[in-house]
Amino acid sequence: MITGDRQAPALAFVETLGIDAVHYEQQPQDKADIIAALKQQGRRVAYIGDGVNDGPALMAADVGISMPRAADIARATADIVLLEDRLDSVATMLTISREAMGLIHSNFKIAVGVNSAILGAAAFGRLSPLTAATLHNGTTIAVLLRALLSGRGRSPVIEKVSRDSVALEHSRAQE
């Protein structure tokens, strides 16, 4: 955790959450420097900030996350602005993102695998061009339907998001 707060409240917060490292009483540029050092070590850094002094750190992080009632500069420099002031929605967002990326990767592998087989069969004369084109388009439609229908069997996390109306808004889309 990187914070501009004084030592006592920062340590109390870290102890409550079980965070193993804390940098307290940090100035805005110090926060950005710590993030840059973490990135140089090969780490991916997400930073959550809501104050004017969080702007440099939000920009330095791989992903900057801000709250809806944050200072204008924090919202403007964040990559993601949460629509509700709930810190737990960050964990929900991460879970949903991982599920979505898993679906994207598996759909990509399916499309490449099936279409490669179709291409190979067509190249060796096993399929006519019309059949190959039809199968290729069918594969594309099947993968798209798989992506669209994946929301029907929603995970408990996605159900929680729907129930609690937790949503994300990409701040750059507002511009």
C-alpha atoms as a PDB file:
ATOM      1  CA  MET A   1       0.000   0.000   0.000  1.00  0.00           C
ATOM      2  CA  ILE A   2       1.232   3.458  -0.878  1.00  0.00           C
ATOM      3  CA  THR A   3      -0.397   6.348   0.944  1.00  0.00           C
ATOM      4  CA  GLY A   4       0.107   9.937   1.898  1.00  0.00           C
ATOM      5  CA  ASP A   5      -1.479   9.229   5.283  1.00  0.00           C
ATOM      6  CA  ARG A   6       0.494   9.361   8.506  1.00  0.00           C
ATOM      7  CA  GLN A   7       2.123   6.263   9.941  1.00  0.00           C
ATOM      8  CA  ALA A   8      -0.431   5.308  12.634  1.00  0.00           C
ATOM      9  CA  PRO A   9      -3.578   5.199  10.463  1.00  0.00           C
ATOM     10  CA  ALA A  10      -1.681   3.592   7.593  1.00  0.00           C
ATOM     11  CA  LEU A  11      -0.341   0.808   9.806  1.00  0.00           C
ATOM     12  CA  ALA A  12      -3.762   0.234  11.366  1.00  0.00           C
ATOM     13  CA  PHE A  13      -5.359  -0.081   7.932  1.00  0.00           C
ATOM     14  CA  VAL A  14      -2.643  -2.439   6.681  1.00  0.00           C
ATOM     15  CA  GLU A  15      -2.976  -4.611   9.775  1.00  0.00           C
ATOM     16  CA  THR A  16      -6.753  -4.814   9.376  1.00  0.00           C
ATOM     17  CA  LEU A  17      -6.487  -5.931   5.740  1.00  0.00           C
ATOM     18  CA  GLY A  18      -3.423  -8.122   6.158  1.00  0.00           C
ATOM     19  CA  ILE A  19      -1.339  -6.190   3.650  1.00  0.00           C
ATOM     20  CA  ASP A  20       2.340  -7.082   3.923  1.00  0.00           C
ATOM     21  CA  ALA A  21       3.984  -3.810   2.841  1.00  0.00           C
ATOM     22  CA  VAL A  22       3.145  -0.160   3.353  1.00  0.00           C
ATOM     23  CA  HIS A  23       4.700   3.125   2.252  1.00  0.00           C
ATOM     24  CA  TYR A  24       3.172   5.937   4.320  1.00  0.00           C
ATOM     25  CA  GLU A  25       3.547   9.732   4.306  1.00  0.00           C
ATOM     26  CA  GLN A  26       4.420   9.638   0.607  1.00  0.00           C
ATOM     27  CA  GLN A  27       4.345  12.687  -1.617  1.00  0.00           C
ATOM     28  CA  PRO A  28       2.688  12.422  -5.065  1.00  0.00           C
ATOM     29  CA  GLN A  29       5.956  11.985  -6.962  1.00  0.00           C
ATOM     30  CA  ASP A  30       7.212   9.465  -4.374  1.00  0.00           C
ATOM     31  CA  LYS A  31       4.136   7.324  -5.065  1.00  0.00           C
ATOM     32  CA  ALA A  32       4.827   7.417  -8.797  1.00  0.00           C
ATOM     33  CA  ASP A  33       8.506   6.563  -8.188  1.00  0.00           C
ATOM     34  CA  ILE A  34       7.583   3.527  -6.064  1.00  0.00           C
ATOM     35  CA  ILE A  35       5.270   2.332  -8.825  1.00  0.00           C
ATOM     36  CA  ALA A  36       8.000   2.859 -11.435  1.00  0.00           C
ATOM     37  CA  ALA A  37      10.414   0.798  -9.313  1.00  0.00           C
ATOM     38  CA  LEU A  38       7.861  -2.021  -9.013  1.00  0.00           C
ATOM     39  CA  LYS A  39       7.326  -1.969 -12.773  1.00  0.00           C
ATOM     40  CA  GLN A  40      11.096  -2.130 -13.348  1.00  0.00           C
ATOM     41  CA  GLN A  41      11.079  -5.340 -11.290  1.00  0.00           C
ATOM     42  CA  GLY A  42       8.634  -6.753 -13.839  1.00  0.00           C
ATOM     43  CA  ARG A  43       5.536  -6.387 -11.703  1.00  0.00           C
ATOM     44  CA  ARG A  44       2.167  -5.294 -13.028  1.00  0.00           C
ATOM     45  CA  VAL A  45       0.801  -2.509 -10.875  1.00  0.00           C
ATOM     46  CA  ALA A  46      -2.766  -1.396 -10.258  1.00  0.00           C
ATOM     47  CA  TYR A  47      -3.196   1.759  -8.206  1.00  0.00           C
ATOM     48  CA  ILE A  48      -6.429   2.920  -6.601  1.00  0.00           C
ATOM     49  CA  GLY A  49      -6.582   6.608  -5.810  1.00  0.00           C
ATOM     50  CA  ASP A  50      -9.118   9.339  -5.204  1.00  0.00           C
ATOM     51  CA  GLY A  51      -7.195  12.479  -4.352  1.00  0.00           C
ATOM     52  CA  VAL A  52      -5.462  15.262  -6.218  1.00  0.00           C
ATOM     53  CA  ASN A  53      -2.134  13.883  -5.023  1.00  0.00           C
ATOM     54  CA  ASP A  54      -2.875  10.482  -6.621  1.00  0.00           C
ATOM     55  CA  GLY A  55      -2.747  11.754 -10.217  1.00  0.00           C
ATOM     56  CA  PRO A  56       0.925  10.935 -10.898  1.00  0.00           C
ATOM     57  CA  ALA A  57       0.605   7.450  -9.372  1.00  0.00           C
ATOM     58  CA  LEU A  58      -2.592   6.714 -11.309  1.00  0.00           C
ATOM     59  CA  MET A  59      -0.787   7.594 -14.519  1.00  0.00           C
ATOM     60  CA  ALA A  60       2.356   5.643 -13.617  1.00  0.00           C
ATOM     61  CA  ALA A  61       0.468   2.420 -12.833  1.00  0.00           C
ATOM     62  CA  ASP A  62      -0.358  -0.169 -15.459  1.00  0.00           C
ATOM     63  CA  VAL A  63      -3.984   0.285 -14.418  1.00  0.00           C
ATOM     64  CA  GLY A  64      -5.197   3.358 -12.573  1.00  0.00           C
ATOM     65  CA  ILE A  65      -8.500   2.997 -10.739  1.00  0.00           C
ATOM     66  CA  SER A  66     -10.507   5.832  -9.256  1.00  0.00           C
ATOM     67  CA  MET A  67     -13.735   6.190  -7.305  1.00  0.00           C
ATOM     68  CA  PRO A  68     -16.740   8.149  -8.612  1.00  0.00           C
ATOM     69  CA  ARG A  69     -16.470  10.890  -5.989  1.00  0.00           C
ATOM     70  CA  ALA A  70     -12.733  11.273  -6.451  1.00  0.00           C
ATOM     71  CA  ALA A  71     -11.058  14.545  -7.288  1.00  0.00           C
ATOM     72  CA  ASP A  72     -11.440  15.565 -10.931  1.00  0.00           C
ATOM     73  CA  ILE A  73      -7.740  15.007 -11.620  1.00  0.00           C
ATOM     74  CA  ALA A  74      -7.901  11.477 -10.184  1.00  0.00           C
ATOM     75  CA  ARG A  75     -10.881  10.573 -12.355  1.00  0.00           C
ATOM     76  CA  ALA A  76      -9.281  12.145 -15.415  1.00  0.00           C
ATOM     77  CA  THR A  77      -5.972  10.292 -15.030  1.00  0.00           C
ATOM     78  CA  ALA A  78      -7.459   6.914 -14.074  1.00  0.00           C
ATOM     79  CA  ASP A  79      -7.940   4.191 -16.655  1.00  0.00           C
ATOM     80  CA  ILE A  80     -11.039   2.969 -14.834  1.00  0.00           C
ATOM     81  CA  VAL A  81     -13.569   4.934 -12.795  1.00  0.00           C
ATOM     82  CA  LEU A  82     -15.794   2.763 -10.623  1.00  0.00           C
ATOM     83  CA  LEU A  83     -19.436   3.769 -10.622  1.00  0.00           C
ATOM     84  CA  GLU A  84     -19.916   3.050  -6.923  1.00  0.00           C
ATOM     85  CA  ASP A  85     -17.784   4.014  -3.939  1.00  0.00           C
ATOM     86  CA  ARG A  86     -17.145   0.403  -3.002  1.00  0.00           C
ATOM     87  CA  LEU A  87     -13.599  -0.854  -2.795  1.00  0.00           C
ATOM     88  CA  ASP A  88     -14.768  -4.478  -2.955  1.00  0.00           C
ATOM     89  CA  SER A  89     -15.961  -3.854  -6.513  1.00  0.00           C
ATOM     90  CA  VAL A  90     -12.274  -3.869  -7.540  1.00  0.00           C
ATOM     91  CA  ALA A  91     -12.034  -7.561  -6.598  1.00  0.00           C
ATOM     92  CA  THR A  92     -15.288  -8.242  -8.439  1.00  0.00           C
ATOM     93  CA  MET A  93     -13.970  -6.385 -11.488  1.00  0.00           C
ATOM     94  CA  LEU A  94     -10.767  -8.437 -11.432  1.00  0.00           C
ATOM     95  CA  THR A  95     -12.661 -11.734 -11.256  1.00  0.00           C
ATOM     96  CA  ILE A  96     -14.971 -10.766 -14.113  1.00  0.00           C
ATOM     97  CA  SER A  97     -11.989  -9.606 -16.176  1.00  0.00           C
ATOM     98  CA  ARG A  98     -10.201 -12.921 -15.643  1.00  0.00           C
ATOM     99  CA  GLU A  99     -13.318 -14.860 -16.641  1.00  0.00           C
ATOM    100  CA  ALA A 100     -13.711 -12.741 -19.771  1.00  0.00           C
ATOM    101  CA  MET A 101     -10.054 -13.161 -20.739  1.00  0.00           C
ATOM    102  CA  GLY A 102     -10.349 -16.928 -20.234  1.00  0.00           C
ATOM    103  CA  LEU A 103     -13.321 -16.995 -22.604  1.00  0.00           C
ATOM    104  CA  ILE A 104     -11.482 -14.860 -25.158  1.00  0.00           C
ATOM    105  CA  HIS A 105      -8.405 -17.114 -25.070  1.00  0.00           C
ATOM    106  CA  SER A 106     -10.417 -20.323 -25.382  1.00  0.00           C
ATOM    107  CA  ASN A 107     -12.529 -18.896 -28.222  1.00  0.00           C
ATOM    108  CA  PHE A 108      -9.365 -17.828 -30.020  1.00  0.00           C
ATOM    109  CA  LYS A 109      -7.864 -21.313 -29.689  1.00  0.00           C
ATOM    110  CA  ILE A 110     -11.074 -22.913 -30.931  1.00  0.00           C
ATOM    111  CA  ALA A 111     -11.280 -20.580 -33.940  1.00  0.00           C
ATOM    112  CA  VAL A 112      -7.621 -21.033 -34.873  1.00  0.00           C
ATOM    113  CA  GLY A 113      -7.716 -24.806 -34.406  1.00  0.00           C
ATOM    114  CA  VAL A 114     -10.907 -25.443 -36.359  1.00  0.00           C
ATOM    115  CA  ASN A 115     -10.077 -22.964 -39.111  1.00  0.00           C
ATOM    116  CA  SER A 116      -6.571 -24.418 -39.490  1.00  0.00           C
ATOM    117  CA  ALA A 117      -8.077 -27.864 -39.913  1.00  0.00           C
ATOM    118  CA  ILE A 118     -10.530 -26.501 -42.483  1.00  0.00           C
ATOM    119  CA  LEU A 119      -7.715 -24.759 -44.361  1.00  0.00           C
ATOM    120  CA  GLY A 120      -5.576 -27.891 -44.314  1.00  0.00           C
ATOM    121  CA  ALA A 121      -8.428 -30.037 -45.590  1.00  0.00           C
ATOM    122  CA  ALA A 122      -9.210 -27.527 -48.334  1.00  0.00           C
ATOM    123  CA  ALA A 123      -5.537 -27.235 -49.319  1.00  0.00           C
ATOM    124  CA  PHE A 124      -5.283 -31.008 -49.812  1.00  0.00           C
ATOM    125  CA  GLY A 125      -8.517 -31.206 -51.787  1.00  0.00           C
ATOM    126  CA  ARG A 126     -10.608 -32.793 -49.029  1.00  0.00           C
ATOM    127  CA  LEU A 127     -13.042 -29.843 -49.003  1.00  0.00           C
ATOM    128  CA  SER A 128     -14.403 -27.775 -51.844  1.00  0.00           C
ATOM    129  CA  PRO A 129     -13.909 -23.994 -51.614  1.00  0.00           C
ATOM    130  CA  LEU A 130     -17.627 -23.522 -50.962  1.00  0.00           C
ATOM    131  CA  THR A 131     -17.630 -26.070 -48.144  1.00  0.00           C
ATOM    132  CA  ALA A 132     -14.465 -24.579 -46.633  1.00  0.00           C
ATOM    133  CA  ALA A 133     -15.958 -21.064 -46.715  1.00  0.00           C
ATOM    134  CA  THR A 134     -19.211 -22.303 -45.191  1.00  0.00           C
ATOM    135  CA  LEU A 135     -17.389 -24.148 -42.399  1.00  0.00           C
ATOM    136  CA  HIS A 136     -15.162 -21.120 -41.737  1.00  0.00           C
ATOM    137  CA  ASN A 137     -18.178 -18.819 -41.422  1.00  0.00           C
ATOM    138  CA  GLY A 138     -19.948 -21.409 -39.282  1.00  0.00           C
ATOM    139  CA  THR A 139     -16.950 -21.519 -36.946  1.00  0.00           C
ATOM    140  CA  THR A 140     -16.986 -17.739 -36.642  1.00  0.00           C
ATOM    141  CA  ILE A 141     -20.696 -17.713 -35.839  1.00  0.00           C
ATOM    142  CA  ALA A 142     -20.287 -20.561 -33.332  1.00  0.00           C
ATOM    143  CA  VAL A 143     -17.499 -18.749 -31.489  1.00  0.00           C
ATOM    144  CA  LEU A 144     -19.522 -15.536 -31.392  1.00  0.00           C
ATOM    145  CA  LEU A 145     -22.571 -17.400 -30.068  1.00  0.00           C
ATOM    146  CA  ARG A 146     -20.415 -19.082 -27.442  1.00  0.00           C
ATOM    147  CA  ALA A 147     -19.259 -15.651 -26.272  1.00  0.00           C
ATOM    148  CA  LEU A 148     -22.793 -14.245 -26.259  1.00  0.00           C
ATOM    149  CA  LEU A 149     -24.318 -17.209 -24.467  1.00  0.00           C
ATOM    150  CA  SER A 150     -21.591 -17.439 -21.836  1.00  0.00           C
ATOM    151  CA  GLY A 151     -23.453 -14.824 -19.786  1.00  0.00           C
ATOM    152  CA  ARG A 152     -26.475 -17.116 -19.465  1.00  0.00           C
ATOM    153  CA  GLY A 153     -24.675 -19.433 -17.067  1.00  0.00           C
ATOM    154  CA  ARG A 154     -23.369 -16.556 -15.017  1.00  0.00           C
ATOM    155  CA  SER A 155     -20.922 -17.177 -12.254  1.00  0.00           C
ATOM    156  CA  PRO A 156     -21.848 -16.129  -8.694  1.00  0.00           C
ATOM    157  CA  VAL A 157     -19.506 -13.157  -9.083  1.00  0.00           C
ATOM    158  CA  ILE A 158     -21.334 -11.871 -12.150  1.00  0.00           C
ATOM    159  CA  GLU A 159     -24.672 -12.455 -10.417  1.00  0.00           C
ATOM    160  CA  LYS A 160     -23.384 -10.353  -7.496  1.00  0.00           C
ATOM    161  CA  VAL A 161     -22.400  -7.610  -9.903  1.00  0.00           C
ATOM    162  CA  SER A 162     -25.851  -7.619 -11.491  1.00  0.00           C
ATOM    163  CA  ARG A 163     -27.593  -7.708  -8.129  1.00  0.00           C
ATOM    164  CA  ASP A 164     -25.541  -4.915  -6.611  1.00  0.00           C
ATOM    165  CA  SER A 165     -25.450  -2.849  -9.801  1.00  0.00           C
ATOM    166  CA  VAL A 166     -21.683  -2.630  -9.675  1.00  0.00           C
ATOM    167  CA  ALA A 167     -20.470  -1.398 -13.026  1.00  0.00           C
ATOM    168  CA  LEU A 168     -17.321  -0.081 -14.548  1.00  0.00           C
ATOM    169  CA  GLU A 169     -16.803   2.896 -16.724  1.00  0.00           C
ATOM    170  CA  HIS A 170     -13.691   3.493 -18.716  1.00  0.00           C
ATOM    171  CA  SER A 171     -12.868   7.128 -18.037  1.00  0.00           C
ATOM    172  CA  ARG A 172     -11.426   7.669 -21.486  1.00  0.00           C
ATOM    173  CA  ALA A 173     -14.763   6.749 -23.035  1.00  0.00           C
ATOM    174  CA  GLN A 174     -16.229   9.827 -21.372  1.00  0.00           C
ATOM    175  CA  GLU A 175     -13.940  12.132 -23.298  1.00  0.00           C
END
